[in-house]
Amino acid sequence: MPFMTPMALMRKNLIIKKLRACGAVSEESAKSLAEAGVINPDGFKRITDRLVETGSIHRTSGGRYYV
């Protein structure tokens, strides 16, 4: 992933950490960001979309995420 601002990098790390901590490691165990405990899950939609585009996390057709 190219240069990220400190806020974006912190957000990326938080999302990945929360998804791992709640066991969202496959499509079957995927969780919404709110279920994973991400505060204000829709507040940084561009960052989340970028994580999906770069393969850092994956999005299911139902809008859930996993690492």
PDB file of N, CA and C in Angstrom:
ATOM      1  N   MET A   1       0.849  -1.166   0.000  1.00  0.00           N
ATOM      2  CA  MET A   1       0.000   0.000   0.000  1.00  0.00           C
ATOM      3  C   MET A   1       0.896   1.231   0.000  1.00  0.00           C
ATOM      4  N   PRO A   2       0.648   2.179  -0.868  1.00  0.00           N
ATOM      5  CA  PRO A   2       1.445   3.402  -0.913  1.00  0.00           C
ATOM      6  C   PRO A   2       1.297   4.198   0.385  1.00  0.00           C
ATOM      7  N   PHE A   3       1.948   5.329   0.427  1.00  0.00           N
ATOM      8  CA  PHE A   3       1.950   6.180   1.615  1.00  0.00           C
ATOM      9  C   PHE A   3       0.551   6.355   2.188  1.00  0.00           C
ATOM     10  N   MET A   4       0.459   6.210   3.495  1.00  0.00           N
ATOM     11  CA  MET A   4      -0.787   6.449   4.219  1.00  0.00           C
ATOM     12  C   MET A   4      -0.513   7.466   5.311  1.00  0.00           C
ATOM     13  N   THR A   5      -1.481   8.314   5.572  1.00  0.00           N
ATOM     14  CA  THR A   5      -1.347   9.259   6.671  1.00  0.00           C
ATOM     15  C   THR A   5      -1.321   8.478   7.984  1.00  0.00           C
ATOM     16  N   PRO A   6      -0.791   9.066   9.032  1.00  0.00           N
ATOM     17  CA  PRO A   6      -0.780   8.353  10.323  1.00  0.00           C
ATOM     18  C   PRO A   6      -2.172   7.910  10.765  1.00  0.00           C
ATOM     19  N   MET A   7      -3.179   8.739  10.540  1.00  0.00           N
ATOM     20  CA  MET A   7      -4.552   8.382  10.928  1.00  0.00           C
ATOM     21  C   MET A   7      -5.031   7.168  10.139  1.00  0.00           C
ATOM     22  N   ALA A   8      -4.760   7.146   8.846  1.00  0.00           N
ATOM     23  CA  ALA A   8      -5.183   6.022   8.007  1.00  0.00           C
ATOM     24  C   ALA A   8      -4.457   4.744   8.420  1.00  0.00           C
ATOM     25  N   LEU A   9      -3.186   4.853   8.731  1.00  0.00           N
ATOM     26  CA  LEU A   9      -2.413   3.693   9.151  1.00  0.00           C
ATOM     27  C   LEU A   9      -2.918   3.150  10.490  1.00  0.00           C
ATOM     28  N   MET A  10      -3.239   4.048  11.414  1.00  0.00           N
ATOM     29  CA  MET A  10      -3.791   3.618  12.695  1.00  0.00           C
ATOM     30  C   MET A  10      -5.137   2.928  12.492  1.00  0.00           C
ATOM     31  N   ARG A  11      -5.940   3.485  11.612  1.00  0.00           N
ATOM     32  CA  ARG A  11      -7.259   2.908  11.342  1.00  0.00           C
ATOM     33  C   ARG A  11      -7.114   1.520  10.716  1.00  0.00           C
ATOM     34  N   LYS A  12      -6.199   1.381   9.768  1.00  0.00           N
ATOM     35  CA  LYS A  12      -5.943   0.089   9.125  1.00  0.00           C
ATOM     36  C   LYS A  12      -5.562  -0.943  10.175  1.00  0.00           C
ATOM     37  N   ASN A  13      -4.612  -0.600  11.024  1.00  0.00           N
ATOM     38  CA  ASN A  13      -4.148  -1.527  12.049  1.00  0.00           C
ATOM     39  C   ASN A  13      -5.268  -1.897  13.018  1.00  0.00           C
ATOM     40  N   LEU A  14      -6.096  -0.926  13.376  1.00  0.00           N
ATOM     41  CA  LEU A  14      -7.213  -1.174  14.282  1.00  0.00           C
ATOM     42  C   LEU A  14      -8.213  -2.146  13.662  1.00  0.00           C
ATOM     43  N   ILE A  15      -8.574  -1.915  12.416  1.00  0.00           N
ATOM     44  CA  ILE A  15      -9.551  -2.778  11.747  1.00  0.00           C
ATOM     45  C   ILE A  15      -9.031  -4.210  11.668  1.00  0.00           C
ATOM     46  N   ILE A  16      -7.792  -4.369  11.251  1.00  0.00           N
ATOM     47  CA  ILE A  16      -7.217  -5.712  11.133  1.00  0.00           C
ATOM     48  C   ILE A  16      -7.142  -6.388  12.503  1.00  0.00           C
ATOM     49  N   LYS A  17      -6.718  -5.650  13.517  1.00  0.00           N
ATOM     50  CA  LYS A  17      -6.618  -6.200  14.869  1.00  0.00           C
ATOM     51  C   LYS A  17      -7.984  -6.644  15.378  1.00  0.00           C
ATOM     52  N   LYS A  18      -9.003  -5.822  15.191  1.00  0.00           N
ATOM     53  CA  LYS A  18     -10.348  -6.141  15.672  1.00  0.00           C
ATOM     54  C   LYS A  18     -10.923  -7.348  14.939  1.00  0.00           C
ATOM     55  N   LEU A  19     -10.708  -7.427  13.626  1.00  0.00           N
ATOM     56  CA  LEU A  19     -11.224  -8.572  12.874  1.00  0.00           C
ATOM     57  C   LEU A  19     -10.553  -9.869  13.325  1.00  0.00           C
ATOM     58  N   ARG A  20      -9.258  -9.826  13.532  1.00  0.00           N
ATOM     59  CA  ARG A  20      -8.544 -11.026  14.018  1.00  0.00           C
ATOM     60  C   ARG A  20      -9.018 -11.413  15.416  1.00  0.00           C
ATOM     61  N   ALA A  21      -9.176 -10.419  16.285  1.00  0.00           N
ATOM     62  CA  ALA A  21      -9.550 -10.683  17.673  1.00  0.00           C
ATOM     63  C   ALA A  21     -10.925 -11.333  17.800  1.00  0.00           C
ATOM     64  N   CYS A  22     -11.828 -11.010  16.895  1.00  0.00           N
ATOM     65  CA  CYS A  22     -13.173 -11.596  16.978  1.00  0.00           C
ATOM     66  C   CYS A  22     -13.294 -12.856  16.122  1.00  0.00           C
ATOM     67  N   GLY A  23     -12.190 -13.290  15.533  1.00  0.00           N
ATOM     68  CA  GLY A  23     -12.191 -14.547  14.788  1.00  0.00           C
ATOM     69  C   GLY A  23     -12.694 -14.459  13.366  1.00  0.00           C
ATOM     70  N   ALA A  24     -12.735 -13.269  12.788  1.00  0.00           N
ATOM     71  CA  ALA A  24     -13.198 -13.093  11.408  1.00  0.00           C
ATOM     72  C   ALA A  24     -12.042 -13.379  10.450  1.00  0.00           C
ATOM     73  N   VAL A  25     -11.784 -14.669  10.244  1.00  0.00           N
ATOM     74  CA  VAL A  25     -10.635 -15.080   9.441  1.00  0.00           C
ATOM     75  C   VAL A  25     -11.029 -15.848   8.180  1.00  0.00           C
ATOM     76  N   SER A  26     -12.322 -15.962   7.937  1.00  0.00           N
ATOM     77  CA  SER A  26     -12.798 -16.620   6.720  1.00  0.00           C
ATOM     78  C   SER A  26     -14.143 -16.017   6.338  1.00  0.00           C
ATOM     79  N   GLU A  27     -14.602 -16.347   5.153  1.00  0.00           N
ATOM     80  CA  GLU A  27     -15.889 -15.820   4.716  1.00  0.00           C
ATOM     81  C   GLU A  27     -17.016 -16.293   5.637  1.00  0.00           C
ATOM     82  N   GLU A  28     -16.898 -17.507   6.146  1.00  0.00           N
ATOM     83  CA  GLU A  28     -17.922 -18.059   7.036  1.00  0.00           C
ATOM     84  C   GLU A  28     -17.944 -17.364   8.395  1.00  0.00           C
ATOM     85  N   SER A  29     -16.804 -16.891   8.854  1.00  0.00           N
ATOM     86  CA  SER A  29     -16.742 -16.246  10.169  1.00  0.00           C
ATOM     87  C   SER A  29     -16.687 -14.724  10.072  1.00  0.00           C
ATOM     88  N   ALA A  30     -16.910 -14.170   8.890  1.00  0.00           N
ATOM     89  CA  ALA A  30     -16.823 -12.721   8.664  1.00  0.00           C
ATOM     90  C   ALA A  30     -17.799 -11.972   9.564  1.00  0.00           C
ATOM     91  N   LYS A  31     -17.418 -10.769   9.946  1.00  0.00           N
ATOM     92  CA  LYS A  31     -18.221  -9.909  10.824  1.00  0.00           C
ATOM     93  C   LYS A  31     -18.347  -8.525  10.207  1.00  0.00           C
ATOM     94  N   SER A  32     -19.406  -7.817  10.594  1.00  0.00           N
ATOM     95  CA  SER A  32     -19.473  -6.410  10.225  1.00  0.00           C
ATOM     96  C   SER A  32     -18.430  -5.688  11.073  1.00  0.00           C
ATOM     97  N   LEU A  33     -18.047  -4.506  10.667  1.00  0.00           N
ATOM     98  CA  LEU A  33     -17.070  -3.758  11.453  1.00  0.00           C
ATOM     99  C   LEU A  33     -17.627  -3.427  12.834  1.00  0.00           C
ATOM    100  N   ALA A  34     -18.925  -3.168  12.908  1.00  0.00           N
ATOM    101  CA  ALA A  34     -19.544  -2.888  14.209  1.00  0.00           C
ATOM    102  C   ALA A  34     -19.488  -4.127  15.098  1.00  0.00           C
ATOM    103  N   GLU A  35     -19.770  -5.298  14.542  1.00  0.00           N
ATOM    104  CA  GLU A  35     -19.694  -6.541  15.316  1.00  0.00           C
ATOM    105  C   GLU A  35     -18.267  -6.806  15.794  1.00  0.00           C
ATOM    106  N   ALA A  36     -17.294  -6.394  14.998  1.00  0.00           N
ATOM    107  CA  ALA A  36     -15.888  -6.592  15.361  1.00  0.00           C
ATOM    108  C   ALA A  36     -15.433  -5.594  16.421  1.00  0.00           C
ATOM    109  N   GLY A  37     -16.245  -4.579  16.701  1.00  0.00           N
ATOM    110  CA  GLY A  37     -15.901  -3.602  17.727  1.00  0.00           C
ATOM    111  C   GLY A  37     -15.183  -2.371  17.211  1.00  0.00           C
ATOM    112  N   VAL A  38     -15.261  -2.141  15.913  1.00  0.00           N
ATOM    113  CA  VAL A  38     -14.636  -0.944  15.335  1.00  0.00           C
ATOM    114  C   VAL A  38     -15.535   0.255  15.628  1.00  0.00           C
ATOM    115  N   ILE A  39     -14.993   1.246  16.304  1.00  0.00           N
ATOM    116  CA  ILE A  39     -15.754   2.440  16.645  1.00  0.00           C
ATOM    117  C   ILE A  39     -15.995   3.261  15.387  1.00  0.00           C
ATOM    118  N   ASN A  40     -17.217   3.732  15.229  1.00  0.00           N
ATOM    119  CA  ASN A  40     -17.600   4.540  14.067  1.00  0.00           C
ATOM    120  C   ASN A  40     -17.226   3.825  12.763  1.00  0.00           C
ATOM    121  N   PRO A  41     -17.791   2.647  12.515  1.00  0.00           N
ATOM    122  CA  PRO A  41     -17.380   1.827  11.374  1.00  0.00           C
ATOM    123  C   PRO A  41     -17.566   2.483  10.011  1.00  0.00           C
ATOM    124  N   ASP A  42     -18.495   3.424   9.906  1.00  0.00           N
ATOM    125  CA  ASP A  42     -18.716   4.081   8.616  1.00  0.00           C
ATOM    126  C   ASP A  42     -17.990   5.412   8.499  1.00  0.00           C
ATOM    127  N   GLY A  43     -17.232   5.773   9.514  1.00  0.00           N
ATOM    128  CA  GLY A  43     -16.570   7.073   9.549  1.00  0.00           C
ATOM    129  C   GLY A  43     -15.388   7.206   8.600  1.00  0.00           C
ATOM    130  N   PHE A  44     -14.801   6.105   8.203  1.00  0.00           N
ATOM    131  CA  PHE A  44     -13.616   6.148   7.346  1.00  0.00           C
ATOM    132  C   PHE A  44     -13.799   5.180   6.186  1.00  0.00           C
ATOM    133  N   LYS A  45     -14.910   5.317   5.481  1.00  0.00           N
ATOM    134  CA  LYS A  45     -15.266   4.381   4.413  1.00  0.00           C
ATOM    135  C   LYS A  45     -14.184   4.268   3.346  1.00  0.00           C
ATOM    136  N   ARG A  46     -13.545   5.363   2.998  1.00  0.00           N
ATOM    137  CA  ARG A  46     -12.500   5.305   1.964  1.00  0.00           C
ATOM    138  C   ARG A  46     -11.324   4.434   2.400  1.00  0.00           C
ATOM    139  N   ILE A  47     -10.979   4.506   3.680  1.00  0.00           N
ATOM    140  CA  ILE A  47      -9.885   3.674   4.181  1.00  0.00           C
ATOM    141  C   ILE A  47     -10.286   2.206   4.107  1.00  0.00           C
ATOM    142  N   THR A  48     -11.502   1.902   4.549  1.00  0.00           N
ATOM    143  CA  THR A  48     -11.991   0.527   4.493  1.00  0.00           C
ATOM    144  C   THR A  48     -12.021   0.027   3.052  1.00  0.00           C
ATOM    145  N   ASP A  49     -12.530   0.840   2.134  1.00  0.00           N
ATOM    146  CA  ASP A  49     -12.567   0.445   0.720  1.00  0.00           C
ATOM    147  C   ASP A  49     -11.166   0.190   0.182  1.00  0.00           C
ATOM    148  N   ARG A  50     -10.222   1.004   0.596  1.00  0.00           N
ATOM    149  CA  ARG A  50      -8.844   0.832   0.132  1.00  0.00           C
ATOM    150  C   ARG A  50      -8.218  -0.453   0.674  1.00  0.00           C
ATOM    151  N   LEU A  51      -8.545  -0.794   1.913  1.00  0.00           N
ATOM    152  CA  LEU A  51      -8.059  -2.045   2.487  1.00  0.00           C
ATOM    153  C   LEU A  51      -8.590  -3.239   1.704  1.00  0.00           C
ATOM    154  N   VAL A  52      -9.833  -3.147   1.265  1.00  0.00           N
ATOM    155  CA  VAL A  52     -10.421  -4.220   0.453  1.00  0.00           C
ATOM    156  C   VAL A  52      -9.741  -4.265  -0.913  1.00  0.00           C
ATOM    157  N   GLU A  53      -9.569  -3.112  -1.546  1.00  0.00           N
ATOM    158  CA  GLU A  53      -8.950  -3.049  -2.879  1.00  0.00           C
ATOM    159  C   GLU A  53      -7.537  -3.619  -2.888  1.00  0.00           C
ATOM    160  N   THR A  54      -6.797  -3.405  -1.804  1.00  0.00           N
ATOM    161  CA  THR A  54      -5.413  -3.868  -1.750  1.00  0.00           C
ATOM    162  C   THR A  54      -5.282  -5.281  -1.186  1.00  0.00           C
ATOM    163  N   GLY A  55      -6.396  -5.868  -0.765  1.00  0.00           N
ATOM    164  CA  GLY A  55      -6.358  -7.235  -0.262  1.00  0.00           C
ATOM    165  C   GLY A  55      -5.953  -7.365   1.196  1.00  0.00           C
ATOM    166  N   SER A  56      -5.879  -6.251   1.913  1.00  0.00           N
ATOM    167  CA  SER A  56      -5.543  -6.317   3.338  1.00  0.00           C
ATOM    168  C   SER A  56      -6.667  -6.975   4.134  1.00  0.00           C
ATOM    169  N   ILE A  57      -7.901  -6.699   3.725  1.00  0.00           N
ATOM    170  CA  ILE A  57      -9.075  -7.369   4.281  1.00  0.00           C
ATOM    171  C   ILE A  57      -9.969  -7.742   3.109  1.00  0.00           C
ATOM    172  N   HIS A  58     -10.970  -8.561   3.380  1.00  0.00           N
ATOM    173  CA  HIS A  58     -11.886  -9.013   2.333  1.00  0.00           C
ATOM    174  C   HIS A  58     -13.309  -8.687   2.748  1.00  0.00           C
ATOM    175  N   ARG A  59     -14.154  -8.363   1.760  1.00  0.00           N
ATOM    176  CA  ARG A  59     -15.560  -8.033   1.999  1.00  0.00           C
ATOM    177  C   ARG A  59     -16.424  -9.123   1.379  1.00  0.00           C
ATOM    178  N   THR A  60     -17.405  -9.590   2.126  1.00  0.00           N
ATOM    179  CA  THR A  60     -18.347 -10.571   1.579  1.00  0.00           C
ATOM    180  C   THR A  60     -19.451  -9.848   0.823  1.00  0.00           C
ATOM    181  N   SER A  61     -20.253 -10.603   0.107  1.00  0.00           N
ATOM    182  CA  SER A  61     -21.363  -9.986  -0.628  1.00  0.00           C
ATOM    183  C   SER A  61     -22.379  -9.388   0.324  1.00  0.00           C
ATOM    184  N   GLY A  62     -22.409  -9.859   1.578  1.00  0.00           N
ATOM    185  CA  GLY A  62     -23.331  -9.328   2.575  1.00  0.00           C
ATOM    186  C   GLY A  62     -22.798  -8.136   3.338  1.00  0.00           C
ATOM    187  N   GLY A  63     -21.621  -7.631   2.968  1.00  0.00           N
ATOM    188  CA  GLY A  63     -21.060  -6.447   3.611  1.00  0.00           C
ATOM    189  C   GLY A  63     -20.315  -6.733   4.901  1.00  0.00           C
ATOM    190  N   ARG A  64     -19.914  -7.958   5.106  1.00  0.00           N
ATOM    191  CA  ARG A  64     -19.111  -8.327   6.274  1.00  0.00           C
ATOM    192  C   ARG A  64     -17.657  -8.436   5.845  1.00  0.00           C
ATOM    193  N   TYR A  65     -16.754  -8.432   6.823  1.00  0.00           N
ATOM    194  CA  TYR A  65     -15.317  -8.390   6.521  1.00  0.00           C
ATOM    195  C   TYR A  65     -14.574  -9.497   7.246  1.00  0.00           C
ATOM    196  N   TYR A  66     -13.439  -9.888   6.675  1.00  0.00           N
ATOM    197  CA  TYR A  66     -12.524 -10.849   7.308  1.00  0.00           C
ATOM    198  C   TYR A  66     -11.120 -10.619   6.803  1.00  0.00           C
ATOM    199  N   VAL A  67     -10.143 -11.144   7.586  1.00  0.00           N
ATOM    200  CA  VAL A  67      -8.736 -11.013   7.194  1.00  0.00           C
ATOM    201  C   VAL A  67      -8.233 -12.313   6.615  1.00  0.00           C
TER     202      VAL A  67
END
